[in-house]
């Protein structure tokens, strides 16, 4: 006996395929959502880690800025102390300046020159005297220009011939002169070393 299926099997098969398609589509959508959610969580974790690192760097930068401010304050205090120390040293030097000035004039005055007056006005000194010849005055100027530790920038104000009566009432023809000097303070040991290092020529390589 032959059995014939009169039910709409094609429609039923089409319905099953449609259900399978929608089921696969739903599964793909669920998987996609899961992937997106996982990637979102990963991104959020990465952002949180980066924000944590940024916060750490910000705090460290603030610490460094505070340290830099402290260093700048210390440098300013050191410079202020150096300035005070230099002011005290300059005051001490200025207090003893007349003694140094007289000693320096004794050292730098050549034979044949007699000083008649010394007048100090601040950092300037006016010296007048009598010289046997003009060459003696030139030598005096050279000595104070190149060899003096306390005198600088000598400026010849006047030189003129004059008749001078000696102790034996003898008339001699000499030269009256006046010179103006600037006073200077000698360099400290550190400044001398720095100046020597700056002026020293660079070492030349030895050729074999």
N, C-alpha and C. Protein backbone atom coordinates (compact mmCIF):
# COMPACT_ATOMS: atom_id res chain seq x y z
N UNK A 1 0.85 -1.19 0.00
CA UNK A 1 0.00 0.00 0.00
C UNK A 1 0.89 1.24 0.00
N UNK A 2 0.61 2.16 -0.83
CA UNK A 2 1.43 3.37 -0.99
C UNK A 2 0.77 4.50 -0.22
N UNK A 3 1.68 5.17 0.70
CA UNK A 3 1.19 6.28 1.51
C UNK A 3 1.63 7.60 0.85
N UNK A 4 0.73 8.49 0.74
CA UNK A 4 1.01 9.79 0.12
C UNK A 4 0.81 10.87 1.19
N UNK A 5 1.88 11.68 1.41
CA UNK A 5 1.82 12.77 2.41
C UNK A 5 1.19 13.98 1.73
N UNK A 6 0.04 14.30 2.16
CA UNK A 6 -0.68 15.43 1.58
C UNK A 6 -0.46 16.73 2.34
N UNK A 7 0.38 16.69 3.44
CA UNK A 7 0.66 17.91 4.22
C UNK A 7 1.58 18.85 3.43
N UNK A 8 1.55 20.16 3.71
CA UNK A 8 2.41 21.14 2.98
C UNK A 8 3.85 21.09 3.49
N UNK A 9 4.59 20.04 3.10
CA UNK A 9 5.95 19.85 3.65
C UNK A 9 6.91 20.93 3.14
N UNK A 10 6.66 21.43 1.96
CA UNK A 10 7.56 22.48 1.47
C UNK A 10 7.43 23.74 2.34
N UNK A 11 6.23 24.05 2.67
CA UNK A 11 6.02 25.23 3.52
C UNK A 11 6.62 25.01 4.90
N UNK A 12 6.48 23.79 5.38
CA UNK A 12 7.06 23.49 6.70
C UNK A 12 8.58 23.56 6.66
N UNK A 13 9.19 23.09 5.57
CA UNK A 13 10.66 23.16 5.45
C UNK A 13 11.11 24.62 5.33
N UNK A 14 10.37 25.39 4.59
CA UNK A 14 10.72 26.80 4.44
C UNK A 14 10.63 27.52 5.80
N UNK A 15 9.63 27.10 6.57
CA UNK A 15 9.47 27.70 7.89
C UNK A 15 10.62 27.35 8.81
N UNK A 16 11.07 26.09 8.73
CA UNK A 16 12.21 25.67 9.57
C UNK A 16 13.48 26.43 9.16
N UNK A 17 13.69 26.60 7.85
CA UNK A 17 14.88 27.35 7.39
C UNK A 17 14.84 28.79 7.88
N UNK A 18 13.62 29.35 7.81
CA UNK A 18 13.49 30.72 8.28
C UNK A 18 13.79 30.82 9.77
N UNK A 19 13.30 29.87 10.54
CA UNK A 19 13.57 29.87 11.97
C UNK A 19 15.06 29.68 12.26
N UNK A 20 15.68 28.76 11.47
CA UNK A 20 17.11 28.54 11.66
C UNK A 20 17.90 29.81 11.32
N UNK A 21 17.48 30.53 10.25
CA UNK A 21 18.17 31.76 9.86
C UNK A 21 18.06 32.82 10.95
N UNK A 22 16.82 33.00 11.46
CA UNK A 22 16.64 33.99 12.51
C UNK A 22 17.37 33.60 13.79
N UNK A 23 17.41 32.29 14.06
CA UNK A 23 18.15 31.83 15.25
C UNK A 23 19.63 32.11 15.09
N UNK A 24 20.17 31.83 13.88
CA UNK A 24 21.60 32.15 13.64
C UNK A 24 21.86 33.63 13.72
N UNK A 25 20.92 34.42 13.15
CA UNK A 25 21.08 35.88 13.19
C UNK A 25 21.07 36.39 14.62
N UNK A 26 20.17 35.82 15.44
CA UNK A 26 20.11 36.22 16.84
C UNK A 26 21.38 35.84 17.59
N UNK A 27 21.88 34.61 17.28
CA UNK A 27 23.12 34.17 17.94
C UNK A 27 24.28 35.06 17.55
N UNK A 28 24.34 35.44 16.24
CA UNK A 28 25.41 36.33 15.79
C UNK A 28 25.31 37.69 16.48
N UNK A 29 24.08 38.18 16.62
CA UNK A 29 23.89 39.46 17.29
C UNK A 29 24.32 39.39 18.74
N UNK A 30 23.97 38.27 19.41
CA UNK A 30 24.37 38.11 20.81
C UNK A 30 25.89 38.06 20.93
N UNK A 31 26.52 37.27 20.02
CA UNK A 31 28.00 37.18 20.05
C UNK A 31 28.63 38.54 19.80
N UNK A 32 28.07 39.29 18.81
CA UNK A 32 28.59 40.63 18.52
C UNK A 32 28.46 41.55 19.73
N UNK A 33 27.30 41.50 20.39
CA UNK A 33 27.12 42.32 21.59
C UNK A 33 28.10 41.95 22.69
N UNK A 34 28.34 40.62 22.85
CA UNK A 34 29.29 40.16 23.87
C UNK A 34 30.70 40.69 23.54
N UNK A 35 31.07 40.61 22.23
CA UNK A 35 32.40 41.09 21.83
C UNK A 35 32.52 42.59 22.08
N UNK A 36 31.46 43.33 21.66
CA UNK A 36 31.48 44.78 21.88
C UNK A 36 31.58 45.11 23.36
N UNK A 37 30.82 44.37 24.19
CA UNK A 37 30.86 44.61 25.63
C UNK A 37 32.24 44.32 26.20
N UNK A 38 32.85 43.19 25.76
CA UNK A 38 34.20 42.86 26.22
C UNK A 38 35.21 43.93 25.80
N UNK A 39 35.13 44.39 24.54
CA UNK A 39 36.05 45.42 24.05
C UNK A 39 35.85 46.74 24.80
N UNK A 40 34.59 47.04 25.11
CA UNK A 40 34.30 48.24 25.89
C UNK A 40 34.92 48.15 27.28
N UNK A 41 34.80 46.97 27.89
CA UNK A 41 35.40 46.79 29.22
C UNK A 41 36.92 46.91 29.16
N UNK A 42 37.51 46.34 28.09
CA UNK A 42 38.97 46.44 27.94
C UNK A 42 39.38 47.91 27.77
N UNK A 43 38.63 48.64 26.92
CA UNK A 43 38.94 50.06 26.73
C UNK A 43 38.79 50.84 28.03
N UNK A 44 37.74 50.55 28.78
CA UNK A 44 37.55 51.24 30.05
C UNK A 44 38.70 50.96 31.02
N UNK A 45 39.17 49.70 31.02
CA UNK A 45 40.29 49.35 31.88
C UNK A 45 41.57 50.08 31.44
N UNK A 46 41.79 50.13 30.11
CA UNK A 46 42.96 50.84 29.60
C UNK A 46 42.89 52.33 29.93
N UNK A 47 41.68 52.92 29.78
CA UNK A 47 41.51 54.34 30.11
C UNK A 47 41.76 54.58 31.59
N UNK A 48 41.24 53.67 32.42
CA UNK A 48 41.45 53.81 33.87
C UNK A 48 42.93 53.72 34.22
N UNK A 49 43.63 52.76 33.59
CA UNK A 49 45.07 52.63 33.85
C UNK A 49 45.83 53.89 33.41
N UNK A 50 45.46 54.41 32.22
CA UNK A 50 46.13 55.61 31.73
C UNK A 50 45.85 56.80 32.63
N UNK A 51 44.60 56.93 33.07
CA UNK A 51 44.27 58.02 33.99
C UNK A 51 45.03 57.89 35.29
N UNK A 52 45.20 56.66 35.75
CA UNK A 52 45.98 56.45 36.98
C UNK A 52 47.44 56.86 36.77
N UNK A 53 48.01 56.49 35.61
CA UNK A 53 49.38 56.90 35.31
C UNK A 53 49.49 58.42 35.18
N UNK A 54 48.48 59.03 34.53
CA UNK A 54 48.50 60.48 34.40
C UNK A 54 48.44 61.17 35.76
N UNK A 55 47.61 60.62 36.64
CA UNK A 55 47.51 61.20 37.98
C UNK A 55 48.83 61.06 38.73
N UNK A 56 49.50 59.90 38.56
CA UNK A 56 50.80 59.69 39.21
C UNK A 56 51.84 60.67 38.66
N UNK A 57 51.86 60.82 37.31
CA UNK A 57 52.80 61.76 36.72
C UNK A 57 52.53 63.20 37.16
N UNK A 58 51.24 63.55 37.26
CA UNK A 58 50.89 64.90 37.71
C UNK A 58 51.38 65.15 39.13
N UNK A 59 51.18 64.17 40.00
CA UNK A 59 51.65 64.33 41.38
C UNK A 59 53.17 64.42 41.45
N UNK A 60 53.87 63.62 40.63
CA UNK A 60 55.33 63.68 40.62
C UNK A 60 55.83 65.02 40.06
N UNK A 61 55.13 65.51 39.03
CA UNK A 61 55.50 66.81 38.47
C UNK A 61 55.33 67.91 39.51
N UNK A 62 54.25 67.85 40.28
CA UNK A 62 54.05 68.84 41.34
C UNK A 62 55.16 68.77 42.38
N UNK A 63 55.57 67.52 42.72
CA UNK A 63 56.67 67.38 43.67
C UNK A 63 57.95 68.00 43.12
N UNK A 64 58.23 67.73 41.82
CA UNK A 64 59.43 68.30 41.20
C UNK A 64 59.35 69.83 41.17
N UNK A 65 58.17 70.36 40.87
CA UNK A 65 58.03 71.81 40.85
C UNK A 65 58.30 72.41 42.22
N UNK A 66 57.82 71.74 43.27
CA UNK A 66 58.10 72.21 44.63
C UNK A 66 59.59 72.15 44.92
N UNK A 67 60.25 71.06 44.48
CA UNK A 67 61.69 70.95 44.70
C UNK A 67 62.44 72.03 43.94
N UNK A 68 61.99 72.30 42.69
CA UNK A 68 62.63 73.36 41.90
C UNK A 68 62.47 74.71 42.59
N UNK A 69 61.27 74.96 43.14
CA UNK A 69 61.06 76.21 43.87
C UNK A 69 61.99 76.29 45.07
N UNK A 70 62.14 75.16 45.78
CA UNK A 70 63.03 75.15 46.95
C UNK A 70 64.47 75.43 46.52
N UNK A 71 64.88 74.81 45.39
CA UNK A 71 66.25 75.02 44.90
C UNK A 71 66.45 76.48 44.52
N UNK A 72 65.45 77.05 43.83
CA UNK A 72 65.56 78.46 43.44
C UNK A 72 65.63 79.36 44.68
N UNK A 73 64.84 79.02 45.71
CA UNK A 73 64.89 79.80 46.95
C UNK A 73 66.25 79.69 47.60
N UNK A 74 66.80 78.46 47.62
CA UNK A 74 68.12 78.26 48.20
C UNK A 74 69.19 79.04 47.44
N UNK A 75 69.09 79.00 46.09
CA UNK A 75 70.06 79.76 45.29
C UNK A 75 69.97 81.25 45.59
N UNK A 76 68.71 81.75 45.70
CA UNK A 76 68.54 83.17 46.01
C UNK A 76 69.14 83.50 47.37
N UNK A 77 68.92 82.61 48.35
CA UNK A 77 69.49 82.84 49.68
C UNK A 77 71.01 82.81 49.64
N UNK A 78 71.56 81.86 48.86
CA UNK A 78 73.02 81.78 48.75
C UNK A 78 73.58 83.04 48.11
N UNK A 79 72.92 83.52 47.04
CA UNK A 79 73.38 84.74 46.38
C UNK A 79 73.29 85.94 47.33
N UNK A 80 72.21 85.97 48.13
CA UNK A 80 72.07 87.06 49.09
C UNK A 80 73.18 87.01 50.14
N UNK A 81 73.49 85.79 50.61
CA UNK A 81 74.57 85.65 51.59
C UNK A 81 75.92 86.05 50.98
N UNK A 82 76.14 85.65 49.71
CA UNK A 82 77.38 86.05 49.04
C UNK A 82 77.47 87.57 48.91
N UNK A 83 76.33 88.19 48.56
CA UNK A 83 76.32 89.65 48.43
C UNK A 83 76.63 90.31 49.77
N UNK A 84 76.04 89.77 50.85
CA UNK A 84 76.32 90.34 52.18
C UNK A 84 77.78 90.15 52.55
N UNK A 85 78.30 88.94 52.26
CA UNK A 85 79.70 88.68 52.57
C UNK A 85 80.61 89.63 51.80
N UNK A 86 80.30 89.83 50.50
CA UNK A 86 81.12 90.75 49.69
C UNK A 86 81.01 92.18 50.22
N UNK A 87 79.79 92.57 50.66
CA UNK A 87 79.63 93.92 51.19
C UNK A 87 80.48 94.10 52.45
N UNK A 88 80.49 93.06 53.30
CA UNK A 88 81.31 93.15 54.52
C UNK A 88 82.79 93.20 54.16
N UNK A 89 83.20 92.36 53.19
CA UNK A 89 84.61 92.37 52.78
C UNK A 89 85.00 93.71 52.16
N UNK A 90 84.10 94.26 51.31
CA UNK A 90 84.38 95.57 50.71
C UNK A 90 84.46 96.66 51.78
N UNK A 91 83.58 96.57 52.78
CA UNK A 91 83.62 97.55 53.86
C UNK A 91 84.93 97.47 54.63
N UNK A 92 85.36 96.24 54.89
CA UNK A 92 86.63 96.06 55.59
C UNK A 92 87.79 96.57 54.74
N UNK A 93 87.73 96.28 53.43
CA UNK A 93 88.78 96.77 52.52
C UNK A 93 88.79 98.29 52.46
N UNK A 94 87.60 98.90 52.35
CA UNK A 94 87.53 100.35 52.29
C UNK A 94 88.02 100.99 53.59
N UNK A 95 87.80 100.30 54.69
CA UNK A 95 88.27 100.84 55.96
C UNK A 95 89.79 100.90 56.00
N UNK A 96 90.42 99.90 55.38
CA UNK A 96 91.89 99.86 55.35
C UNK A 96 92.47 100.48 54.09
N UNK A 97 91.61 101.07 53.24
CA UNK A 97 92.08 101.59 51.97
C UNK A 97 93.17 102.65 52.11
N UNK A 98 93.07 103.62 53.04
CA UNK A 98 94.16 104.61 53.14
C UNK A 98 95.52 103.97 53.38
N UNK A 99 95.55 102.93 54.22
CA UNK A 99 96.83 102.26 54.49
C UNK A 99 97.35 101.61 53.22
N UNK A 100 96.47 100.89 52.51
CA UNK A 100 96.88 100.23 51.26
C UNK A 100 97.31 101.28 50.22
N UNK A 101 96.59 102.41 50.18
CA UNK A 101 96.91 103.45 49.22
C UNK A 101 98.31 104.01 49.45
N UNK A 102 98.63 104.32 50.70
CA UNK A 102 99.96 104.86 51.01
C UNK A 102 101.05 103.84 50.70
N UNK A 103 100.80 102.58 51.08
CA UNK A 103 101.80 101.54 50.78
C UNK A 103 102.01 101.38 49.28
N UNK A 104 100.91 101.46 48.54
CA UNK A 104 101.01 101.28 47.09
C UNK A 104 101.75 102.45 46.44
N UNK A 105 101.50 103.65 46.91
CA UNK A 105 102.20 104.81 46.36
C UNK A 105 103.69 104.75 46.66
N UNK A 106 104.02 104.27 47.86
CA UNK A 106 105.44 104.10 48.19
C UNK A 106 106.10 103.09 47.26
N UNK A 107 105.38 101.99 46.96
CA UNK A 107 105.93 100.94 46.10
C UNK A 107 106.08 101.40 44.65
N UNK A 108 105.12 102.18 44.14
CA UNK A 108 105.09 102.49 42.73
C UNK A 108 105.77 103.82 42.37
N UNK A 109 106.10 104.63 43.36
CA UNK A 109 106.74 105.92 43.06
C UNK A 109 108.23 105.71 42.80
N UNK A 110 108.71 106.05 41.63
CA UNK A 110 110.14 105.86 41.32
C UNK A 110 111.00 106.94 41.98
N UNK A 111 112.29 106.72 41.95
CA UNK A 111 113.22 107.73 42.47
C UNK A 111 113.14 108.97 41.58
N UNK A 112 113.35 110.11 42.21
CA UNK A 112 113.27 111.37 41.46
C UNK A 112 111.91 112.00 41.48
N UNK A 113 110.94 111.39 42.22
CA UNK A 113 109.60 111.97 42.36
C UNK A 113 109.32 112.15 43.85
N UNK A 114 108.77 113.31 44.19
CA UNK A 114 108.42 113.62 45.57
C UNK A 114 106.94 114.02 45.59
N UNK A 115 106.16 113.30 46.35
CA UNK A 115 104.73 113.59 46.42
C UNK A 115 104.49 114.67 47.46
N UNK A 116 103.70 115.65 47.09
CA UNK A 116 103.43 116.77 48.00
C UNK A 116 102.03 116.71 48.61
N UNK A 117 101.07 116.06 47.94
CA UNK A 117 99.72 115.96 48.51
C UNK A 117 99.01 114.75 47.93
N UNK A 118 98.15 114.17 48.76
CA UNK A 118 97.32 113.04 48.34
C UNK A 118 95.90 113.32 48.83
N UNK A 119 94.95 113.34 47.91
CA UNK A 119 93.56 113.64 48.27
C UNK A 119 92.66 112.56 47.70
N UNK A 120 91.91 111.88 48.59
CA UNK A 120 91.00 110.82 48.16
C UNK A 120 89.57 111.34 48.18
N UNK A 121 88.84 111.05 47.10
CA UNK A 121 87.43 111.41 47.00
C UNK A 121 86.67 110.18 46.50
N UNK A 122 86.15 109.39 47.42
CA UNK A 122 85.48 108.15 47.04
C UNK A 122 86.46 107.16 46.46
N UNK A 123 86.23 106.76 45.21
CA UNK A 123 87.11 105.82 44.54
C UNK A 123 88.12 106.51 43.63
N UNK A 124 88.32 107.79 43.86
CA UNK A 124 89.27 108.57 43.06
C UNK A 124 90.31 109.20 43.98
N UNK A 125 91.56 109.26 43.50
CA UNK A 125 92.65 109.83 44.28
C UNK A 125 93.40 110.83 43.40
N UNK A 126 93.61 112.02 43.94
CA UNK A 126 94.38 113.04 43.25
C UNK A 126 95.72 113.18 43.95
N UNK A 127 96.78 112.98 43.18
CA UNK A 127 98.14 113.03 43.71
C UNK A 127 98.88 114.16 43.01
N UNK A 128 99.52 115.01 43.80
CA UNK A 128 100.38 116.05 43.25
C UNK A 128 101.78 115.85 43.77
N UNK A 129 102.76 116.29 42.98
CA UNK A 129 104.14 116.09 43.39
C UNK A 129 105.11 116.86 42.51
N UNK A 130 106.37 116.62 42.77
CA UNK A 130 107.46 117.25 42.03
C UNK A 130 108.34 116.16 41.46
N UNK A 131 108.67 116.26 40.18
CA UNK A 131 109.50 115.27 39.50
C UNK A 131 110.73 115.94 38.93
N UNK A 132 111.84 115.23 38.95
CA UNK A 132 113.07 115.77 38.38
C UNK A 132 112.96 115.93 36.87
N UNK A 133 112.31 114.94 36.20
CA UNK A 133 112.15 115.00 34.75
C UNK A 133 110.77 114.47 34.36
N UNK A 134 110.41 114.75 33.12
CA UNK A 134 109.14 114.20 32.60
C UNK A 134 109.18 112.68 32.53
N UNK A 135 110.37 112.12 32.29
CA UNK A 135 110.48 110.67 32.19
C UNK A 135 110.13 110.00 33.51
N UNK A 136 110.43 110.66 34.63
CA UNK A 136 110.07 110.10 35.93
C UNK A 136 108.55 110.02 36.09
N UNK A 137 107.86 111.02 35.60
CA UNK A 137 106.39 111.01 35.65
C UNK A 137 105.85 109.89 34.77
N UNK A 138 106.43 109.70 33.58
CA UNK A 138 105.99 108.63 32.69
C UNK A 138 106.21 107.27 33.35
N UNK A 139 107.34 107.11 34.04
CA UNK A 139 107.60 105.85 34.73
C UNK A 139 106.59 105.62 35.85
N UNK A 140 106.25 106.69 36.54
CA UNK A 140 105.23 106.60 37.60
C UNK A 140 103.89 106.14 37.04
N UNK A 141 103.53 106.69 35.90
CA UNK A 141 102.27 106.30 35.27
C UNK A 141 102.31 104.84 34.81
N UNK A 142 103.44 104.42 34.25
CA UNK A 142 103.56 103.02 33.82
C UNK A 142 103.48 102.06 35.00
N UNK A 143 104.13 102.41 36.10
CA UNK A 143 104.11 101.54 37.28
C UNK A 143 102.69 101.35 37.79
N UNK A 144 101.96 102.43 37.89
CA UNK A 144 100.59 102.32 38.41
C UNK A 144 99.64 101.67 37.41
N UNK A 145 99.99 101.71 36.15
CA UNK A 145 99.13 101.07 35.14
C UNK A 145 99.29 99.56 35.12
N UNK A 146 100.53 99.08 35.17
CA UNK A 146 100.79 97.66 34.96
C UNK A 146 101.17 96.89 36.21
N UNK A 147 101.63 97.56 37.26
CA UNK A 147 102.16 96.84 38.41
C UNK A 147 101.36 97.04 39.69
N UNK A 148 100.37 97.91 39.67
CA UNK A 148 99.68 98.24 40.91
C UNK A 148 98.49 97.32 41.15
N UNK A 149 98.34 96.91 42.40
CA UNK A 149 97.21 96.07 42.80
C UNK A 149 96.02 96.90 43.26
N UNK A 150 96.27 98.17 43.60
CA UNK A 150 95.22 99.00 44.17
C UNK A 150 94.90 100.24 43.34
N UNK A 151 95.76 100.59 42.40
CA UNK A 151 95.55 101.79 41.59
C UNK A 151 95.30 101.39 40.14
N UNK A 152 94.45 102.17 39.46
CA UNK A 152 94.16 101.89 38.06
C UNK A 152 93.82 103.18 37.34
N UNK A 153 93.88 103.11 36.01
CA UNK A 153 93.48 104.20 35.13
C UNK A 153 94.13 105.54 35.52
N UNK A 154 95.46 105.60 35.57
CA UNK A 154 96.09 106.88 35.88
C UNK A 154 95.85 107.90 34.77
N UNK A 155 95.57 109.10 35.17
CA UNK A 155 95.28 110.19 34.22
C UNK A 155 96.12 111.41 34.61
N UNK A 156 97.01 111.78 33.72
CA UNK A 156 97.86 112.95 33.97
C UNK A 156 97.02 114.21 33.81
N UNK A 157 96.86 114.95 34.90
CA UNK A 157 96.05 116.17 34.87
C UNK A 157 96.88 117.36 34.38
N UNK A 158 98.09 117.50 34.91
CA UNK A 158 98.90 118.67 34.56
C UNK A 158 100.36 118.37 34.86
N UNK A 159 101.24 118.89 34.07
CA UNK A 159 102.67 118.88 34.34
C UNK A 159 103.26 120.18 33.78
N UNK A 160 104.04 120.83 34.62
CA UNK A 160 104.60 122.12 34.21
C UNK A 160 105.93 122.33 34.92
N UNK A 161 106.78 123.11 34.28
CA UNK A 161 108.08 123.42 34.85
C UNK A 161 107.92 124.42 35.98
N UNK A 162 108.76 124.25 37.02
CA UNK A 162 108.70 125.14 38.18
C UNK A 162 110.08 125.27 38.79
N UNK A 163 110.35 126.43 39.32
CA UNK A 163 111.60 126.67 40.04
C UNK A 163 111.38 126.37 41.52
N UNK A 164 112.16 125.46 42.05
CA UNK A 164 112.01 125.02 43.44
C UNK A 164 113.28 125.38 44.19
N UNK A 165 113.10 125.97 45.39
CA UNK A 165 114.23 126.31 46.25
C UNK A 165 114.51 125.13 47.17
N UNK A 166 115.73 124.61 47.12
CA UNK A 166 116.11 123.47 47.95
C UNK A 166 116.46 123.94 49.35
N UNK A 167 116.79 122.97 50.21
CA UNK A 167 117.14 123.31 51.59
C UNK A 167 118.37 124.20 51.67
N UNK A 168 119.26 124.08 50.68
CA UNK A 168 120.46 124.93 50.65
C UNK A 168 120.23 126.23 49.93
N UNK A 169 118.92 126.61 49.77
CA UNK A 169 118.54 127.86 49.09
C UNK A 169 119.07 127.90 47.65
N UNK A 170 119.11 126.72 47.05
CA UNK A 170 119.54 126.63 45.66
C UNK A 170 118.31 126.51 44.77
N UNK A 171 118.24 127.26 43.74
CA UNK A 171 117.14 127.23 42.80
C UNK A 171 117.35 126.08 41.79
N UNK A 172 116.35 125.20 41.73
CA UNK A 172 116.42 124.10 40.76
C UNK A 172 115.16 124.11 39.91
N UNK A 173 115.34 123.76 38.66
CA UNK A 173 114.19 123.74 37.72
C UNK A 173 113.66 122.30 37.68
N UNK A 174 112.49 122.11 38.27
CA UNK A 174 111.86 120.79 38.32
C UNK A 174 110.50 120.85 37.63
N UNK A 175 109.70 119.80 37.84
CA UNK A 175 108.39 119.72 37.18
C UNK A 175 107.31 119.44 38.21
N UNK A 176 106.36 120.37 38.30
CA UNK A 176 105.16 120.11 39.10
C UNK A 176 104.18 119.26 38.28
N UNK A 177 103.55 118.28 38.92
CA UNK A 177 102.58 117.45 38.18
C UNK A 177 101.43 117.07 39.12
N UNK A 178 100.34 116.71 38.51
CA UNK A 178 99.19 116.17 39.25
C UNK A 178 98.60 115.02 38.43
N UNK A 179 98.29 113.94 39.12
CA UNK A 179 97.78 112.72 38.48
C UNK A 179 96.55 112.26 39.25
N UNK A 180 95.55 111.81 38.51
CA UNK A 180 94.35 111.26 39.14
C UNK A 180 94.32 109.75 38.90
N UNK A 181 94.03 108.99 39.96
CA UNK A 181 93.95 107.53 39.88
C UNK A 181 92.55 107.06 40.28
N UNK A 182 92.22 105.90 39.80
CA UNK A 182 91.05 105.20 40.29
C UNK A 182 91.48 104.12 41.26
N UNK A 183 90.72 103.94 42.33
CA UNK A 183 91.03 102.89 43.30
C UNK A 183 90.31 101.61 42.90
N UNK A 184 90.96 100.50 43.11
CA UNK A 184 90.35 99.21 42.82
C UNK A 184 90.65 98.24 43.95
N UNK A 185 89.79 97.27 44.06
CA UNK A 185 90.00 96.23 45.06
C UNK A 185 90.66 95.04 44.38
N UNK A 186 91.62 94.41 45.01
CA UNK A 186 92.25 93.24 44.39
C UNK A 186 91.27 92.10 44.28
N UNK A 187 91.43 91.28 43.25
CA UNK A 187 90.55 90.14 43.04
C UNK A 187 90.73 89.12 44.15
N UNK A 188 89.60 88.47 44.51
CA UNK A 188 89.68 87.39 45.48
C UNK A 188 90.41 86.20 44.87
N UNK A 189 90.73 85.24 45.70
CA UNK A 189 91.44 84.05 45.22
C UNK A 189 90.61 83.30 44.20
N UNK A 190 89.29 83.18 44.46
CA UNK A 190 88.42 82.46 43.52
C UNK A 190 88.34 83.20 42.19
N UNK A 191 88.24 84.54 42.25
CA UNK A 191 88.16 85.32 41.01
C UNK A 191 89.46 85.23 40.23
N UNK A 192 90.59 85.23 40.94
CA UNK A 192 91.87 85.10 40.25
C UNK A 192 91.99 83.74 39.56
N UNK A 193 91.56 82.68 40.25
CA UNK A 193 91.60 81.35 39.63
C UNK A 193 90.70 81.29 38.41
N UNK A 194 89.50 81.89 38.52
CA UNK A 194 88.58 81.88 37.37
C UNK A 194 89.15 82.67 36.21
N UNK A 195 89.75 83.83 36.51
CA UNK A 195 90.34 84.62 35.44
C UNK A 195 91.52 83.91 34.80
N UNK A 196 92.33 83.21 35.63
CA UNK A 196 93.45 82.46 35.08
C UNK A 196 93.00 81.32 34.21
N UNK A 197 91.93 80.63 34.63
CA UNK A 197 91.41 79.52 33.82
C UNK A 197 90.82 80.02 32.50
N UNK A 198 90.19 81.21 32.54
CA UNK A 198 89.60 81.74 31.31
C UNK A 198 90.66 82.22 30.33
N UNK A 199 91.77 82.74 30.85
CA UNK A 199 92.80 83.28 29.97
C UNK A 199 93.82 82.25 29.55
N UNK A 200 93.82 81.07 30.20
CA UNK A 200 94.79 80.05 29.84
C UNK A 200 94.47 79.49 28.48
N UNK A 201 95.46 79.32 27.58
CA UNK A 201 95.21 78.76 26.24
C UNK A 201 94.82 77.30 26.34
N UNK A 202 94.01 76.87 25.38
CA UNK A 202 93.59 75.48 25.36
C UNK A 202 94.79 74.58 25.09
N UNK A 203 94.77 73.41 25.75
CA UNK A 203 95.88 72.48 25.58
C UNK A 203 95.93 71.98 24.14
N UNK A 204 97.11 72.00 23.54
CA UNK A 204 97.27 71.55 22.17
C UNK A 204 97.59 70.07 22.14
N UNK A 205 97.01 69.30 21.20
CA UNK A 205 97.32 67.87 21.12
C UNK A 205 98.76 67.65 20.73
N UNK A 206 99.36 66.66 21.35
CA UNK A 206 100.75 66.33 21.07
C UNK A 206 100.81 65.49 19.82
N UNK A 207 101.61 65.94 18.83
CA UNK A 207 101.74 65.19 17.59
C UNK A 207 102.87 64.17 17.75
N UNK A 208 102.57 62.96 17.37
CA UNK A 208 103.58 61.92 17.45
C UNK A 208 104.42 61.88 16.18
